[in-house]
Protein backbone atom coordinates (compact mmCIF):
# COMPACT_ATOMS: atom_id res chain seq x y z
CA MET A 1 121.84 121.27 106.15
CA SER A 2 123.13 119.09 109.02
CA SER A 3 123.19 115.31 108.76
CA ASN A 4 120.40 115.11 111.37
CA ASN A 5 118.10 117.25 109.22
CA ALA A 6 119.02 115.25 106.13
CA HIS A 7 117.73 112.06 107.78
CA GLU A 8 114.76 113.76 109.45
CA SER A 9 111.39 112.20 108.61
CA PHE A 10 108.91 114.32 106.65
CA LEU A 11 106.42 113.64 109.47
CA ILE A 12 108.51 115.53 112.02
CA TYR A 13 110.21 117.98 109.65
CA ARG A 14 111.69 120.99 111.48
CA GLY A 15 110.16 120.00 114.81
CA LEU A 16 106.66 119.40 113.38
CA LYS A 17 106.66 122.88 111.84
CA PHE A 18 103.74 122.27 109.48
CA PHE A 19 101.81 120.28 112.07
CA TRP A 20 101.76 123.29 114.39
CA LEU A 21 100.93 125.67 111.54
CA ALA A 22 98.01 123.45 110.57
CA ILE A 23 96.90 123.25 114.20
CA ALA A 24 97.03 127.06 114.44
CA LEU A 25 94.90 127.41 111.31
CA VAL A 26 92.35 124.88 112.58
CA PHE A 27 92.25 126.60 115.98
CA VAL A 28 91.49 130.00 114.41
CA VAL A 29 88.80 128.48 112.21
CA ILE A 30 87.12 126.71 115.13
CA VAL A 31 87.18 129.88 117.24
CA LEU A 32 85.57 131.84 114.38
CA TYR A 33 82.95 129.12 113.93
CA ILE A 34 82.04 129.18 117.63
CA TRP A 35 82.02 132.99 117.74
CA HIS A 36 79.98 133.34 114.55
CA GLU A 37 76.26 133.85 115.04
CA PRO A 38 74.46 133.37 111.70
CA LEU A 39 70.85 134.46 111.24
CA ASP A 40 69.95 130.88 110.43
CA GLU A 41 71.72 127.59 111.23
CA PRO A 42 75.41 127.43 110.24
CA ASN A 43 75.87 126.94 106.49
CA GLY A 44 78.19 127.71 103.62
CA GLY A 45 76.15 130.72 102.57
CA SER A 46 77.10 132.99 105.49
CA TRP A 47 80.10 135.30 105.41
CA LEU A 48 82.05 132.77 107.50
CA GLY A 49 80.84 129.97 105.23
CA TYR A 50 82.16 131.78 102.17
CA THR A 51 85.44 132.52 103.97
CA LEU A 52 85.94 128.91 104.94
CA GLY A 53 84.93 127.88 101.43
CA VAL A 54 87.63 130.10 99.91
CA ILE A 55 90.21 128.69 102.33
CA SER A 56 89.11 125.13 101.54
CA ALA A 57 89.24 125.71 97.78
CA ALA A 58 92.68 127.34 98.06
CA LEU A 59 93.94 124.38 100.08
CA VAL A 60 92.57 121.88 97.54
CA LEU A 61 94.31 123.68 94.68
CA TRP A 62 97.54 124.04 96.63
CA LEU A 63 97.55 120.41 97.76
CA THR A 64 96.83 119.22 94.22
CA TRP A 65 99.75 121.28 92.99
CA PHE A 66 101.99 119.07 95.12
CA GLY A 67 101.31 116.23 92.71
CA VAL A 68 102.84 118.37 89.96
CA ARG A 69 105.71 119.69 92.06
CA LYS A 70 106.94 116.30 93.25
CA ARG A 71 107.39 115.16 89.64
CA GLN A 72 109.75 118.01 88.80
CA TYR A 73 113.24 116.62 88.39
CA ALA A 74 114.80 119.83 89.73
CA LEU A 75 113.02 119.40 93.06
CA SER A 76 115.62 118.45 95.68
CA ALA A 77 115.05 115.85 98.38
CA THR A 78 114.87 118.62 100.98
CA LYS A 79 112.23 120.60 99.10
CA LEU A 80 110.28 117.42 98.46
CA LYS A 81 110.31 116.73 102.19
CA VAL A 82 109.06 120.27 102.90
CA TRP A 83 106.20 119.95 100.41
CA LEU A 84 105.26 116.48 101.62
CA SER A 85 105.20 117.49 105.29
CA ALA A 86 103.02 120.51 104.50
CA HIS A 87 100.85 118.41 102.18
CA ILE A 88 100.04 115.91 104.94
CA TYR A 89 99.20 118.28 107.77
CA PHE A 90 97.31 120.87 105.75
CA GLY A 91 95.46 118.02 104.05
CA LEU A 92 94.23 116.89 107.48
CA ALA A 93 93.38 120.49 108.37
CA LEU A 94 91.29 120.67 105.19
CA VAL A 95 88.93 118.02 106.58
CA VAL A 96 88.11 120.22 109.58
CA ILE A 97 87.79 123.43 107.56
CA ALA A 98 85.63 121.82 104.86
CA THR A 99 83.39 120.28 107.54
CA LEU A 100 82.85 123.65 109.22
CA HIS A 101 82.30 125.25 105.82
CA SER A 102 79.45 122.80 105.21
CA GLY A 103 77.89 123.65 108.57
CA PHE A 104 77.44 119.88 109.03
CA GLN A 105 74.73 119.94 106.35
CA ILE A 106 75.01 116.96 104.02
CA GLY A 107 72.55 116.24 101.22
CA TRP A 108 72.18 114.81 97.73
CA ASN A 109 73.80 117.68 95.83
CA ILE A 110 77.03 118.80 94.17
CA HIS A 111 78.11 120.64 97.33
CA SER A 112 78.00 117.50 99.48
CA ALA A 113 79.65 115.51 96.69
CA ALA A 114 82.64 117.86 96.85
CA TYR A 115 82.79 117.42 100.62
CA ILE A 116 82.62 113.61 100.38
CA LEU A 117 85.41 113.64 97.80
CA VAL A 118 87.52 115.76 100.17
CA LEU A 119 87.11 113.08 102.85
CA LEU A 120 87.88 110.22 100.46
CA THR A 121 90.91 111.95 98.94
CA VAL A 122 92.37 112.78 102.35
CA ALA A 123 91.66 109.23 103.58
CA SER A 124 93.50 107.77 100.59
CA GLY A 125 96.34 110.19 101.29
CA VAL A 126 96.57 109.01 104.90
CA PHE A 127 96.85 105.44 103.62
CA GLY A 128 99.57 106.62 101.24
CA VAL A 129 101.53 108.08 104.16
CA PHE A 130 101.32 104.73 105.96
CA VAL A 131 102.55 102.96 102.83
CA TYR A 132 105.49 105.30 102.25
CA VAL A 133 106.56 105.24 105.89
CA ARG A 134 106.44 101.47 106.21
CA TYR A 135 107.35 99.84 102.91
CA PRO A 136 110.56 101.59 101.75
CA LYS A 137 112.23 100.36 104.96
CA LEU A 138 110.96 96.85 104.29
CA MET A 139 112.26 97.08 100.73
CA THR A 140 115.74 98.12 101.89
CA LYS A 141 115.83 95.29 104.44
CA ASN A 142 114.57 92.75 101.91
CA ARG A 143 117.13 93.69 99.24
CA ALA A 144 120.10 93.20 101.59
CA GLY A 145 122.21 95.54 99.50
CA LEU A 146 121.13 94.14 96.12
CA SER A 147 119.07 95.85 93.44
CA LEU A 148 116.39 93.88 91.59
CA ASP A 149 118.62 93.74 88.50
CA GLU A 150 121.48 92.34 90.58
CA MET A 151 119.15 89.70 92.04
CA MET A 152 118.06 88.71 88.53
CA GLY A 153 121.70 88.47 87.46
CA LYS A 154 122.55 86.17 90.37
CA ILE A 155 119.49 84.01 89.65
CA SER A 156 120.64 83.66 86.03
CA GLU A 157 124.11 82.58 87.20
CA LEU A 158 122.58 80.02 89.54
CA ASP A 159 120.45 78.66 86.71
CA GLN A 160 123.56 77.98 84.64
CA ASP A 161 125.19 76.14 87.55
CA ILE A 162 121.99 74.18 88.20
CA LEU A 163 121.75 73.04 84.57
CA LYS A 164 125.43 72.03 84.58
CA GLU A 165 125.05 69.89 87.71
CA GLY A 166 121.72 68.48 86.51
CA GLN A 167 123.40 66.81 83.51
CA GLN A 168 125.04 64.34 85.88
CA LEU A 169 121.78 63.36 87.61
CA PRO A 170 118.85 61.01 86.88
CA GLU A 171 116.40 62.03 84.17
CA GLU A 172 113.59 62.80 86.66
CA ILE A 173 115.77 65.31 88.50
CA ASN A 174 117.19 66.79 85.30
CA SER A 175 113.69 67.32 83.88
CA ALA A 176 112.59 69.05 87.08
CA LEU A 177 115.67 71.29 86.97
CA LEU A 178 115.08 72.19 83.32
CA LYS A 179 111.51 73.16 84.20
CA ALA A 180 112.78 75.18 87.17
CA VAL A 181 115.10 77.15 84.88
CA ARG A 182 112.73 77.64 81.95
CA LYS A 183 109.35 78.00 83.67
CA THR A 184 110.17 79.92 86.84
CA SER A 185 108.85 83.48 86.50
CA ILE A 186 109.01 86.63 88.59
CA GLY A 187 106.15 89.07 88.44
CA GLY A 188 103.14 87.99 86.40
CA ASN A 189 99.68 89.47 86.75
CA ILE A 190 98.66 91.88 89.49
CA PHE A 191 97.44 89.09 91.79
CA GLU A 192 100.69 87.16 91.44
CA LYS A 193 102.67 90.30 92.19
CA LEU A 194 100.63 91.06 95.30
CA SER A 195 100.57 87.43 96.56
CA PRO A 196 103.92 85.88 95.62
CA LYS A 197 103.52 83.18 98.28
CA ASN A 198 100.60 81.74 96.32
CA VAL A 199 102.60 81.45 93.09
CA ILE A 200 103.29 77.88 91.94
CA CYS A 201 107.06 77.97 91.55
CA PRO A 202 108.84 75.24 89.50
CA THR A 203 112.06 75.94 91.40
CA THR A 204 110.37 75.18 94.72
CA GLU A 205 108.80 72.06 93.21
CA ALA A 206 112.21 70.84 91.99
CA ARG A 207 113.76 71.47 95.39
CA ASN A 208 110.93 69.64 97.18
CA LEU A 209 111.20 66.71 94.76
CA ILE A 210 114.92 66.26 95.35
CA GLU A 211 114.78 66.78 99.11
CA THR A 212 111.95 64.27 99.59
CA LYS A 213 112.64 61.61 96.96
CA PHE A 214 116.40 61.77 96.51
CA ALA A 215 117.59 63.00 99.91
CA ASP A 216 119.35 59.73 100.74
CA MET A 217 121.28 59.84 97.47
CA SER A 218 122.76 63.23 98.36
CA LEU A 219 125.02 61.48 100.88
CA GLN A 220 126.69 59.50 98.10
CA ASP A 221 126.28 61.89 95.15
CA GLN A 222 127.90 65.32 95.47
CA HIS A 223 126.00 66.58 92.43
CA ILE A 224 122.67 66.14 94.25
CA SER A 225 123.87 67.86 97.41
CA LYS A 226 125.30 70.70 95.31
CA VAL A 227 122.04 71.08 93.35
CA ILE A 228 120.08 71.22 96.61
CA ALA A 229 122.37 74.01 97.84
CA LEU A 230 122.03 75.90 94.54
CA LEU A 231 118.24 75.56 94.59
CA ALA A 232 118.18 76.83 98.18
CA LYS A 233 120.15 79.94 97.15
CA LYS A 234 117.90 80.48 94.13
CA THR A 235 114.74 80.06 96.22
CA LYS A 236 115.99 82.68 98.66
CA LEU A 237 116.76 85.14 95.84
CA LEU A 238 113.41 84.44 94.18
CA ARG A 239 111.64 85.18 97.46
CA ARG A 240 113.49 88.50 97.75
CA ALA A 241 112.88 89.47 94.12
CA ARG A 242 109.16 88.69 94.35
CA ARG A 243 108.91 90.56 97.65
CA ASP A 244 110.67 93.53 96.04
CA ILE A 245 108.11 93.59 93.21
CA GLN A 246 105.25 93.15 95.70
CA ILE A 247 106.38 96.18 97.70
CA LYS A 248 106.74 98.29 94.53
CA VAL A 249 103.18 97.39 93.49
CA ILE A 250 101.85 98.28 96.95
CA LEU A 251 103.72 101.60 96.82
CA ARG A 252 102.08 102.45 93.50
CA ILE A 253 98.64 100.90 93.76
CA TRP A 254 97.23 103.53 96.14
CA LEU A 255 97.92 106.15 93.46
CA PHE A 256 95.28 104.46 91.30
CA PHE A 257 92.80 105.58 93.96
CA HIS A 258 94.36 108.81 95.23
CA ILE A 259 94.97 110.50 91.86
CA PRO A 260 91.50 109.80 90.35
CA LEU A 261 89.90 110.95 93.62
CA ALA A 262 91.95 114.17 93.52
CA ILE A 263 90.99 114.79 89.88
CA GLY A 264 87.34 114.07 90.69
CA LEU A 265 87.56 116.45 93.63
CA LEU A 266 88.89 119.24 91.41
CA GLY A 267 86.08 118.78 88.90
CA THR A 268 83.42 118.65 91.61
CA LEU A 269 84.95 121.65 93.36
CA PHE A 270 84.71 123.80 90.23
CA SER A 271 81.11 122.65 89.74
CA HIS A 272 80.40 123.54 93.35
CA ILE A 273 81.91 127.01 92.94
CA LEU A 274 80.01 127.67 89.69
CA ALA A 275 76.76 126.57 91.33
CA VAL A 276 77.36 128.91 94.25
CA PHE A 277 78.02 131.91 92.01
CA PHE A 278 75.08 131.03 89.73
CA TYR A 279 72.59 130.97 92.60
CA TRP A 280 74.23 133.72 94.69
């Protein structure tokens, strides 16, 4: 594979190969739907309805299988890109096919429940695409070449230097620095991970204390000016580390919606199929 293909986005893989295949499938289905003349109003019980139902069910099973395939360690990055590109465009095509299969008839029954779950699952998948296109780039930019473990290591080193310098300073500053080292946390509960800016950070408090109350002393005391510089470096690393965790949570959180919806869709789909065969 050429270097251009290696860096090609899954959205435009092989010149939008799967986009055009999905478009072709949707076009054929729409033409058949327009050409079809059922005895009654369009519905899933006609020969075209059953055909579209089979295609829809096959697509649901195939798309769900992607969730299994992408977790296989032997799956290369290229194959993963192929599956993901196909997953996205045929998932969107499924919305059109399932809609035509229903004949635009929605009611309070298991059949409509399956259709609604198709829409919700695809919608959550679209959000997932947005997340995975946007946030990995933000993560790379935020890390600036450092992994989270490396950030934590540098923060630990800064803490040691801060404590060393703090021993030469007034008790109020030293106490604030001790609190900054011992009480500063990264992560926390889900709300703290998603909103790191709202976290009360002892390191920020210590920095604000020194810069507002002891700023004048920094001109005469090198220890204070050095502590301010160390706290500034630590604050910057803390911001990056918390942002890194925030992005990871955002990348994963949509799965808590997408996967249960997909599982619910599978269960409802089988119930829908059984009901059709039972009453056929």
